[in-house]
Amino acid sequence: MIAVSELTKSFPPAGGLVLDRISFEVPAGQTLAVIGPSGCGKSTLLYILAGLLPPTSGTVAMEGPSGGAAGRPAIILQDFGLFPWKTAAENIALGLKLHGCPAAERRRATVNLLREMGLDGMAHHYPVQLSGGQKQRVAIARALATKPALLLMDEPFSSLDALTREHLQAILLATWRRTGVSYILVTHSVEEAVFLGRCVLVLTDRPTRVKAVIDNPDFGAADARLHDRYFQRVRQVRRAMEG
């Protein structure tokens, strides 16, 4: 699980206070969607959780498997973050290679992830040869390759068309069912937050505080968008954001 307590981040002098005493928990195997106004600090929060930024005060405690690359958080960025000079297979295997995983094990893991992401036949394609949806599936596979305790996603589907976006949301949900990996998703889409978050964290504008924590017990159904309860939850999140 991950427990965030009284997390504060400021960028003096010009940036000022961005995050103001943010607290929440994500139990092991659960998911959290984070939504709030543009510029409120959602990405800053994610970078702190990933260890890329230090907090000004407060704590981030993570419990999970340890040893090697496993147990560390992995982050997926909005712009995919793929290396253009590496093939899809090389991008996926990069984290394993950096952590000293043997070549045979890297190849086996890469082949499995390519298959699971529906990327059979794309192993030797470079990012420029892939569609946006394919690039994002490579980015997800690369993040999962190291078996992280926590997956962090910064608006991973925002640059994709609506149909591709929904397809990748379904792939992410199927991946969560298969692996049980906890994830935190930053998004501007209320519908996406409700579809992918077991809990939805609504943030205020700066200085950013927790405005609402909305439980989403119907999360996880592949056909959720066909049920009235999904739309009721969407309206609940919208009201929380507007209230």
C-alpha atoms as a PDB file:
ATOM      1  CA  MET A   1       0.000   0.000   0.000  1.00  0.00           C
ATOM      2  CA  ILE A   2       0.971   3.657  -0.222  1.00  0.00           C
ATOM      3  CA  ALA A   3       0.175   6.172   2.498  1.00  0.00           C
ATOM      4  CA  VAL A   4       0.585   9.907   1.918  1.00  0.00           C
ATOM      5  CA  SER A   5       0.410  12.125   4.988  1.00  0.00           C
ATOM      6  CA  GLU A   6       0.324  15.937   5.178  1.00  0.00           C
ATOM      7  CA  LEU A   7       2.263  16.212   1.916  1.00  0.00           C
ATOM      8  CA  THR A   8       3.249  19.806   1.146  1.00  0.00           C
ATOM      9  CA  LYS A   9       5.221  21.211  -1.765  1.00  0.00           C
ATOM     10  CA  SER A  10       6.201  24.808  -2.415  1.00  0.00           C
ATOM     11  CA  PHE A  11       8.431  26.411  -5.033  1.00  0.00           C
ATOM     12  CA  PRO A  12       9.651  29.656  -3.467  1.00  0.00           C
ATOM     13  CA  PRO A  13       9.692  32.435  -4.217  1.00  0.00           C
ATOM     14  CA  ALA A  14       7.726  32.703  -7.488  1.00  0.00           C
ATOM     15  CA  GLY A  15       5.959  29.338  -7.482  1.00  0.00           C
ATOM     16  CA  GLY A  16       4.623  29.625  -3.963  1.00  0.00           C
ATOM     17  CA  LEU A  17       2.648  26.916  -2.218  1.00  0.00           C
ATOM     18  CA  VAL A  18       1.410  24.233  -4.646  1.00  0.00           C
ATOM     19  CA  LEU A  19       0.386  21.231  -2.514  1.00  0.00           C
ATOM     20  CA  ASP A  20      -1.048  21.950   0.922  1.00  0.00           C
ATOM     21  CA  ARG A  21      -1.161  19.023   3.384  1.00  0.00           C
ATOM     22  CA  ILE A  22      -2.384  16.308   1.000  1.00  0.00           C
ATOM     23  CA  SER A  23      -3.232  12.984   2.664  1.00  0.00           C
ATOM     24  CA  PHE A  24      -4.617   9.747   1.238  1.00  0.00           C
ATOM     25  CA  GLU A  25      -4.008   5.980   1.128  1.00  0.00           C
ATOM     26  CA  VAL A  26      -4.096   3.405  -1.641  1.00  0.00           C
ATOM     27  CA  PRO A  27      -4.379  -0.169  -0.309  1.00  0.00           C
ATOM     28  CA  ALA A  28      -2.381  -2.896  -2.009  1.00  0.00           C
ATOM     29  CA  GLY A  29      -4.016  -3.996  -5.241  1.00  0.00           C
ATOM     30  CA  GLN A  30      -6.314  -0.966  -5.404  1.00  0.00           C
ATOM     31  CA  THR A  31      -6.448   1.991  -7.770  1.00  0.00           C
ATOM     32  CA  LEU A  32      -6.818   5.742  -7.349  1.00  0.00           C
ATOM     33  CA  ALA A  33      -7.789   8.364  -9.919  1.00  0.00           C
ATOM     34  CA  VAL A  34      -6.722  11.950  -9.191  1.00  0.00           C
ATOM     35  CA  ILE A  35      -8.646  14.801 -10.785  1.00  0.00           C
ATOM     36  CA  GLY A  36      -8.617  18.560 -10.332  1.00  0.00           C
ATOM     37  CA  PRO A  37      -8.262  21.911 -12.135  1.00  0.00           C
ATOM     38  CA  SER A  38      -5.492  22.427 -14.673  1.00  0.00           C
ATOM     39  CA  GLY A  39      -2.289  23.583 -13.010  1.00  0.00           C
ATOM     40  CA  CYS A  40      -3.339  22.542  -9.514  1.00  0.00           C
ATOM     41  CA  GLY A  41      -0.288  20.327  -9.013  1.00  0.00           C
ATOM     42  CA  LYS A  42      -1.481  16.847  -9.999  1.00  0.00           C
ATOM     43  CA  SER A  43       1.712  16.120 -11.918  1.00  0.00           C
ATOM     44  CA  THR A  44       3.807  17.556  -9.080  1.00  0.00           C
ATOM     45  CA  LEU A  45       2.101  15.125  -6.711  1.00  0.00           C
ATOM     46  CA  LEU A  46       2.863  12.237  -9.041  1.00  0.00           C
ATOM     47  CA  TYR A  47       6.545  13.207  -9.385  1.00  0.00           C
ATOM     48  CA  ILE A  48       6.894  13.303  -5.602  1.00  0.00           C
ATOM     49  CA  LEU A  49       5.351   9.830  -5.333  1.00  0.00           C
ATOM     50  CA  ALA A  50       7.783   8.614  -8.003  1.00  0.00           C
ATOM     51  CA  GLY A  51      10.748  10.023  -6.079  1.00  0.00           C
ATOM     52  CA  LEU A  52      11.546  12.542  -8.827  1.00  0.00           C
ATOM     53  CA  LEU A  53      10.791  15.568  -6.618  1.00  0.00           C
ATOM     54  CA  PRO A  54      11.345  15.968  -2.871  1.00  0.00           C
ATOM     55  CA  PRO A  55       8.404  17.151  -0.763  1.00  0.00           C
ATOM     56  CA  THR A  56       8.747  20.323   1.264  1.00  0.00           C
ATOM     57  CA  SER A  57       7.166  18.495   4.191  1.00  0.00           C
ATOM     58  CA  GLY A  58       5.011  15.475   4.886  1.00  0.00           C
ATOM     59  CA  THR A  59       5.645  11.798   4.221  1.00  0.00           C
ATOM     60  CA  VAL A  60       5.149   9.140   1.554  1.00  0.00           C
ATOM     61  CA  ALA A  61       5.262   5.580   2.903  1.00  0.00           C
ATOM     62  CA  MET A  62       5.149   2.588   0.590  1.00  0.00           C
ATOM     63  CA  GLU A  63       4.829  -1.029   1.617  1.00  0.00           C
ATOM     64  CA  GLY A  64       5.239  -3.863  -0.845  1.00  0.00           C
ATOM     65  CA  PRO A  65       7.672  -6.384  -2.287  1.00  0.00           C
ATOM     66  CA  SER A  66      11.298  -5.388  -2.256  1.00  0.00           C
ATOM     67  CA  GLY A  67      14.484  -6.510  -3.922  1.00  0.00           C
ATOM     68  CA  GLY A  68      15.913  -5.656  -7.333  1.00  0.00           C
ATOM     69  CA  ALA A  69      13.759  -3.513  -9.544  1.00  0.00           C
ATOM     70  CA  ALA A  70      10.544  -4.967  -8.140  1.00  0.00           C
ATOM     71  CA  GLY A  71       8.764  -2.947  -5.499  1.00  0.00           C
ATOM     72  CA  ARG A  72       9.785   0.422  -6.921  1.00  0.00           C
ATOM     73  CA  PRO A  73       7.189   2.734  -8.454  1.00  0.00           C
ATOM     74  CA  ALA A  74       7.116   3.049 -12.243  1.00  0.00           C
ATOM     75  CA  ILE A  75       5.821   6.122 -14.058  1.00  0.00           C
ATOM     76  CA  ILE A  76       4.115   6.491 -17.445  1.00  0.00           C
ATOM     77  CA  LEU A  77       4.174   9.962 -18.977  1.00  0.00           C
ATOM     78  CA  GLN A  78       1.709  11.730 -21.241  1.00  0.00           C
ATOM     79  CA  ASP A  79       4.221  11.888 -24.114  1.00  0.00           C
ATOM     80  CA  PHE A  80       5.029   8.152 -23.842  1.00  0.00           C
ATOM     81  CA  GLY A  81       8.717   8.744 -22.964  1.00  0.00           C
ATOM     82  CA  LEU A  82      10.005   6.214 -25.487  1.00  0.00           C
ATOM     83  CA  PHE A  83      13.529   6.379 -26.875  1.00  0.00           C
ATOM     84  CA  PRO A  84      13.173   6.933 -30.640  1.00  0.00           C
ATOM     85  CA  TRP A  85      16.412   5.084 -31.456  1.00  0.00           C
ATOM     86  CA  LYS A  86      15.255   1.907 -29.707  1.00  0.00           C
ATOM     87  CA  THR A  87      12.754  -0.630 -31.012  1.00  0.00           C
ATOM     88  CA  ALA A  88       9.561  -1.482 -29.169  1.00  0.00           C
ATOM     89  CA  ALA A  89      11.235  -4.563 -27.674  1.00  0.00           C
ATOM     90  CA  GLU A  90      14.328  -2.582 -26.635  1.00  0.00           C
ATOM     91  CA  ASN A  91      12.196   0.111 -25.001  1.00  0.00           C
ATOM     92  CA  ILE A  92      10.244  -2.498 -23.041  1.00  0.00           C
ATOM     93  CA  ALA A  93      13.410  -4.282 -21.895  1.00  0.00           C
ATOM     94  CA  LEU A  94      15.277  -1.115 -20.920  1.00  0.00           C
ATOM     95  CA  GLY A  95      14.376  -1.089 -17.226  1.00  0.00           C
ATOM     96  CA  LEU A  96      15.217  -4.764 -16.873  1.00  0.00           C
ATOM     97  CA  LYS A  97      18.560  -4.201 -18.578  1.00  0.00           C
ATOM     98  CA  LEU A  98      19.412  -1.265 -16.307  1.00  0.00           C
ATOM     99  CA  HIS A  99      18.753  -3.465 -13.275  1.00  0.00           C
ATOM    100  CA  GLY A 100      21.006  -6.249 -14.512  1.00  0.00           C
ATOM    101  CA  CYS A 101      18.370  -8.751 -15.591  1.00  0.00           C
ATOM    102  CA  PRO A 102      19.958 -11.567 -17.694  1.00  0.00           C
ATOM    103  CA  ALA A 103      19.443 -11.308 -21.464  1.00  0.00           C
ATOM    104  CA  ALA A 104      17.401 -14.516 -21.727  1.00  0.00           C
ATOM    105  CA  GLU A 105      15.042 -13.382 -18.989  1.00  0.00           C
ATOM    106  CA  ARG A 106      14.701  -9.957 -20.635  1.00  0.00           C
ATOM    107  CA  ARG A 107      13.763 -11.556 -23.952  1.00  0.00           C
ATOM    108  CA  ARG A 108      11.213 -13.846 -22.318  1.00  0.00           C
ATOM    109  CA  ALA A 109       9.584 -11.002 -20.387  1.00  0.00           C
ATOM    110  CA  THR A 110       9.531  -8.763 -23.463  1.00  0.00           C
ATOM    111  CA  VAL A 111       7.889 -11.405 -25.663  1.00  0.00           C
ATOM    112  CA  ASN A 112       5.214 -12.018 -23.011  1.00  0.00           C
ATOM    113  CA  LEU A 113       4.476  -8.308 -22.597  1.00  0.00           C
ATOM    114  CA  LEU A 114       4.297  -7.695 -26.336  1.00  0.00           C
ATOM    115  CA  ARG A 115       1.731 -10.490 -26.574  1.00  0.00           C
ATOM    116  CA  GLU A 116      -0.265  -9.271 -23.576  1.00  0.00           C
ATOM    117  CA  MET A 117      -0.408  -5.736 -25.011  1.00  0.00           C
ATOM    118  CA  GLY A 118      -1.515  -6.950 -28.433  1.00  0.00           C
ATOM    119  CA  LEU A 119       1.775  -5.911 -30.027  1.00  0.00           C
ATOM    120  CA  ASP A 120       2.763  -9.198 -31.657  1.00  0.00           C
ATOM    121  CA  GLY A 121       4.802  -8.443 -34.771  1.00  0.00           C
ATOM    122  CA  MET A 122       5.805  -4.985 -33.498  1.00  0.00           C
ATOM    123  CA  ALA A 123       8.954  -5.992 -31.593  1.00  0.00           C
ATOM    124  CA  HIS A 124      11.353  -4.556 -34.170  1.00  0.00           C
ATOM    125  CA  HIS A 125       9.360  -1.426 -34.975  1.00  0.00           C
ATOM    126  CA  TYR A 126      10.725   1.950 -33.878  1.00  0.00           C
ATOM    127  CA  PRO A 127       8.416   4.492 -32.181  1.00  0.00           C
ATOM    128  CA  VAL A 128       8.101   6.521 -35.392  1.00  0.00           C
ATOM    129  CA  GLN A 129       6.557   3.432 -37.015  1.00  0.00           C
ATOM    130  CA  LEU A 130       3.915   3.016 -34.285  1.00  0.00           C
ATOM    131  CA  SER A 131       0.546   4.685 -33.795  1.00  0.00           C
ATOM    132  CA  GLY A 132      -0.133   6.715 -30.667  1.00  0.00           C
ATOM    133  CA  GLY A 133      -2.031   3.835 -29.089  1.00  0.00           C
ATOM    134  CA  GLN A 134       0.752   1.388 -29.875  1.00  0.00           C
ATOM    135  CA  LYS A 135       3.351   3.738 -28.378  1.00  0.00           C
ATOM    136  CA  GLN A 136       1.346   3.998 -25.173  1.00  0.00           C
ATOM    137  CA  ARG A 137       1.021   0.211 -24.970  1.00  0.00           C
ATOM    138  CA  VAL A 138       4.810  -0.028 -25.281  1.00  0.00           C
ATOM    139  CA  ALA A 139       5.130   2.529 -22.463  1.00  0.00           C
ATOM    140  CA  ILE A 140       2.751   0.517 -20.264  1.00  0.00           C
ATOM    141  CA  ALA A 141       4.622  -2.706 -21.028  1.00  0.00           C
ATOM    142  CA  ARG A 142       7.951  -1.061 -20.158  1.00  0.00           C
ATOM    143  CA  ALA A 143       6.548   0.102 -16.826  1.00  0.00           C
ATOM    144  CA  LEU A 144       5.138  -3.337 -16.009  1.00  0.00           C
ATOM    145  CA  ALA A 145       8.326  -5.178 -17.014  1.00  0.00           C
ATOM    146  CA  THR A 146      10.043  -4.418 -13.700  1.00  0.00           C
ATOM    147  CA  LYS A 147       6.987  -5.611 -11.713  1.00  0.00           C
ATOM    148  CA  PRO A 148       6.532  -2.360  -9.796  1.00  0.00           C
ATOM    149  CA  ALA A 149       4.666  -2.178  -6.523  1.00  0.00           C
ATOM    150  CA  LEU A 150       2.937   0.960  -7.810  1.00  0.00           C
ATOM    151  CA  LEU A 151       2.195   2.260 -11.291  1.00  0.00           C
ATOM    152  CA  LEU A 152       1.992   6.054 -11.642  1.00  0.00           C
ATOM    153  CA  MET A 153       0.338   7.523 -14.747  1.00  0.00           C
ATOM    154  CA  ASP A 154       0.318  11.180 -15.738  1.00  0.00           C
ATOM    155  CA  GLU A 155      -2.600  11.633 -18.164  1.00  0.00           C
ATOM    156  CA  PRO A 156      -1.394   8.665 -20.216  1.00  0.00           C
ATOM    157  CA  PHE A 157      -4.253   8.688 -22.737  1.00  0.00           C
ATOM    158  CA  SER A 158      -4.941  12.415 -23.137  1.00  0.00           C
ATOM    159  CA  SER A 159      -3.276  12.760 -26.550  1.00  0.00           C
ATOM    160  CA  LEU A 160      -5.216   9.873 -28.113  1.00  0.00           C
ATOM    161  CA  ASP A 161      -8.483   9.887 -30.043  1.00  0.00           C
ATOM    162  CA  ALA A 162     -11.617   8.833 -28.180  1.00  0.00           C
ATOM    163  CA  LEU A 163     -11.858   5.275 -29.537  1.00  0.00           C
ATOM    164  CA  THR A 164      -8.162   4.526 -28.959  1.00  0.00           C
ATOM    165  CA  ARG A 165      -8.411   6.054 -25.502  1.00  0.00           C
ATOM    166  CA  GLU A 166     -11.306   3.787 -24.508  1.00  0.00           C
ATOM    167  CA  HIS A 167      -9.509   0.761 -25.956  1.00  0.00           C
ATOM    168  CA  LEU A 168      -6.400   1.467 -23.862  1.00  0.00           C
ATOM    169  CA  GLN A 169      -8.492   2.103 -20.767  1.00  0.00           C
ATOM    170  CA  ALA A 170      -9.906  -1.403 -21.227  1.00  0.00           C
ATOM    171  CA  ILE A 171      -6.391  -2.816 -21.699  1.00  0.00           C
ATOM    172  CA  LEU A 172      -5.229  -1.103 -18.499  1.00  0.00           C
ATOM    173  CA  LEU A 173      -8.205  -2.503 -16.601  1.00  0.00           C
ATOM    174  CA  ALA A 174      -7.512  -6.010 -17.936  1.00  0.00           C
ATOM    175  CA  THR A 175      -3.851  -5.634 -16.948  1.00  0.00           C
ATOM    176  CA  TRP A 176      -4.865  -4.623 -13.423  1.00  0.00           C
ATOM    177  CA  ARG A 177      -7.114  -7.683 -13.149  1.00  0.00           C
ATOM    178  CA  ARG A 178      -4.282  -9.931 -14.324  1.00  0.00           C
ATOM    179  CA  THR A 179      -1.417  -8.468 -12.262  1.00  0.00           C
ATOM    180  CA  GLY A 180      -3.123  -6.811  -9.298  1.00  0.00           C
ATOM    181  CA  VAL A 181      -0.679  -3.894  -9.525  1.00  0.00           C
ATOM    182  CA  SER A 182      -1.786  -0.793  -7.641  1.00  0.00           C
ATOM    183  CA  TYR A 183      -1.919   2.347  -9.720  1.00  0.00           C
ATOM    184  CA  ILE A 184      -2.504   6.067  -9.370  1.00  0.00           C
ATOM    185  CA  LEU A 185      -3.877   7.792 -12.449  1.00  0.00           C
ATOM    186  CA  VAL A 186      -3.840  11.568 -12.980  1.00  0.00           C
ATOM    187  CA  THR A 187      -6.520  12.640 -15.452  1.00  0.00           C
ATOM    188  CA  HIS A 188      -8.619  15.606 -16.567  1.00  0.00           C
ATOM    189  CA  SER A 189     -11.464  13.314 -17.630  1.00  0.00           C
ATOM    190  CA  VAL A 190     -14.214  12.640 -15.102  1.00  0.00           C
ATOM    191  CA  GLU A 191     -15.416   9.645 -17.130  1.00  0.00           C
ATOM    192  CA  GLU A 192     -11.908   8.158 -17.185  1.00  0.00           C
ATOM    193  CA  ALA A 193     -11.475   8.744 -13.456  1.00  0.00           C
ATOM    194  CA  VAL A 194     -14.675   6.836 -12.683  1.00  0.00           C
ATOM    195  CA  PHE A 195     -13.884   4.011 -15.118  1.00  0.00           C
ATOM    196  CA  LEU A 196     -10.325   3.440 -13.849  1.00  0.00           C
ATOM    197  CA  GLY A 197     -10.355   4.516 -10.202  1.00  0.00           C
ATOM    198  CA  ARG A 198     -11.570   2.365  -7.311  1.00  0.00           C
ATOM    199  CA  CYS A 199     -11.410   5.650  -5.457  1.00  0.00           C
ATOM    200  CA  VAL A 200     -11.480   9.160  -6.950  1.00  0.00           C
ATOM    201  CA  LEU A 201      -9.468  11.937  -5.281  1.00  0.00           C
ATOM    202  CA  VAL A 202     -10.809  15.398  -6.141  1.00  0.00           C
ATOM    203  CA  LEU A 203      -8.355  18.272  -5.650  1.00  0.00           C
ATOM    204  CA  THR A 204      -8.940  22.020  -5.310  1.00  0.00           C
ATOM    205  CA  ASP A 205      -7.134  24.762  -7.166  1.00  0.00           C
ATOM    206  CA  ARG A 206      -3.883  26.133  -5.708  1.00  0.00           C
ATOM    207  CA  PRO A 207      -2.925  25.985  -2.973  1.00  0.00           C
ATOM    208  CA  THR A 208      -4.107  22.453  -3.623  1.00  0.00           C
ATOM    209  CA  ARG A 209      -5.949  20.513  -0.955  1.00  0.00           C
ATOM    210  CA  VAL A 210      -8.125  17.407  -0.966  1.00  0.00           C
ATOM    211  CA  LYS A 211     -11.653  18.504  -1.791  1.00  0.00           C
ATOM    212  CA  ALA A 212     -13.345  15.109  -1.784  1.00  0.00           C
ATOM    213  CA  VAL A 213     -12.556  11.398  -1.664  1.00  0.00           C
ATOM    214  CA  ILE A 214     -15.222   9.454  -3.538  1.00  0.00           C
ATOM    215  CA  ASP A 215     -15.551   5.713  -3.134  1.00  0.00           C
ATOM    216  CA  ASN A 216     -16.321   3.882  -6.369  1.00  0.00           C
ATOM    217  CA  PRO A 217     -17.439   0.360  -5.441  1.00  0.00           C
ATOM    218  CA  ASP A 218     -18.662  -0.463  -8.974  1.00  0.00           C
ATOM    219  CA  PHE A 219     -15.185   0.043 -10.433  1.00  0.00           C
ATOM    220  CA  GLY A 220     -13.715  -2.830 -12.424  1.00  0.00           C
ATOM    221  CA  ALA A 221     -16.554  -3.859 -14.709  1.00  0.00           C
ATOM    222  CA  ALA A 222     -15.513  -3.874 -18.363  1.00  0.00           C
ATOM    223  CA  ASP A 223     -19.064  -2.893 -19.366  1.00  0.00           C
ATOM    224  CA  ALA A 224     -19.365  -0.190 -16.681  1.00  0.00           C
ATOM    225  CA  ARG A 225     -20.227   2.489 -19.231  1.00  0.00           C
ATOM    226  CA  LEU A 226     -23.466   0.647 -20.027  1.00  0.00           C
ATOM    227  CA  HIS A 227     -24.843   0.937 -16.477  1.00  0.00           C
ATOM    228  CA  ASP A 228     -26.683   3.777 -14.774  1.00  0.00           C
ATOM    229  CA  ARG A 229     -24.468   3.485 -11.673  1.00  0.00           C
ATOM    230  CA  TYR A 230     -21.442   4.556 -13.715  1.00  0.00           C
ATOM    231  CA  PHE A 231     -23.180   7.743 -14.834  1.00  0.00           C
ATOM    232  CA  GLN A 232     -24.436   8.399 -11.319  1.00  0.00           C
ATOM    233  CA  ARG A 233     -20.838   8.242 -10.089  1.00  0.00           C
ATOM    234  CA  VAL A 234     -19.725  10.557 -12.910  1.00  0.00           C
ATOM    235  CA  ARG A 235     -22.343  13.089 -11.796  1.00  0.00           C
ATOM    236  CA  GLN A 236     -21.210  12.718  -8.187  1.00  0.00           C
ATOM    237  CA  VAL A 237     -17.599  13.534  -9.124  1.00  0.00           C
ATOM    238  CA  ARG A 238     -18.727  16.498 -11.246  1.00  0.00           C
ATOM    239  CA  ARG A 239     -20.755  17.881  -8.348  1.00  0.00           C
ATOM    240  CA  ALA A 240     -17.754  17.503  -6.034  1.00  0.00           C
ATOM    241  CA  MET A 241     -15.550  19.396  -8.492  1.00  0.00           C
ATOM    242  CA  GLU A 242     -18.085  22.188  -8.919  1.00  0.00           C
ATOM    243  CA  GLY A 243     -19.137  22.477  -5.282  1.00  0.00           C
END
